[in-house]
């Protein structure tokens, strides 16, 4: 698969299919493999572009600091180098934050956006949010990446029937470069888009949440109301890894949205 030299790094990406561009952005500590359950469904109707973010997967892992703006600029440069013009963005967790940042910086490049189990702000405001962030950084520092990866995998897929998914995510996480992983976490901390920036996002946006995601449905409902052209969909019996634990429901909701964007709140069934 190809790489592009972008912003002083080699950015790896995978490409499948043809048609309207659909760019999929993975989550923290993961890679393009986050979208394995989507490729076969969408490659027949869209040109899929699936990058590894800087510090992740097969892309370069520079020691210099990362930021949400830098992550976004990497993807913007990829869009421009590939002459994609307007793209449909799909972002999971960290990928959703980057999608929000891209839409804020370059709305002219984005046709529509799907944000999965994510947030337009990661400025911890409650004790629970502050504790969760402190816990992840402390475990990483005290016990190393292997233990931290096991904790994340268990939290993402707690059910006994998700053993295979849990192992898959764990194997992916332990292959991270520790310095790059910490750099990525630091990029997330204190990042925030303003309510005014959200109100100026007029493109069609689908907010997807698992009913058991780490960010509550109520929180997603609150920020969806700040977006002028957004729809919220709740996927039942799903945690933070919705594209993995409910791929059929997830794929259907994304397909329906891409074919005919609309505004409402619903629960998938």
Foldseek 3Di string as FASTA:
>chain_A
DAWDCFPNKTKDKDKAAADQEEEEEEAALFALCLCVLPCVVCRPHHTYIGIGFAQADPMHPDLDFDALLNSLRRVVVVCVVVVNFEHEYEYAASGLCSVLNNCLVCVRRYQEYEYELYDQALADDDPVSVVVLVVLVVCCVPPNQLVSLLVVLCQQPVDPVCPVVSVVSSVSNVPGDSSSSVSSSVNRYGRHDDLVSQLPRQHAYEYEYECAEPDHPVNVVVSQVSHPHYEYEYEYPHYSSCCPPPVVQVNVVVVVCVVPNHHYYYYTD
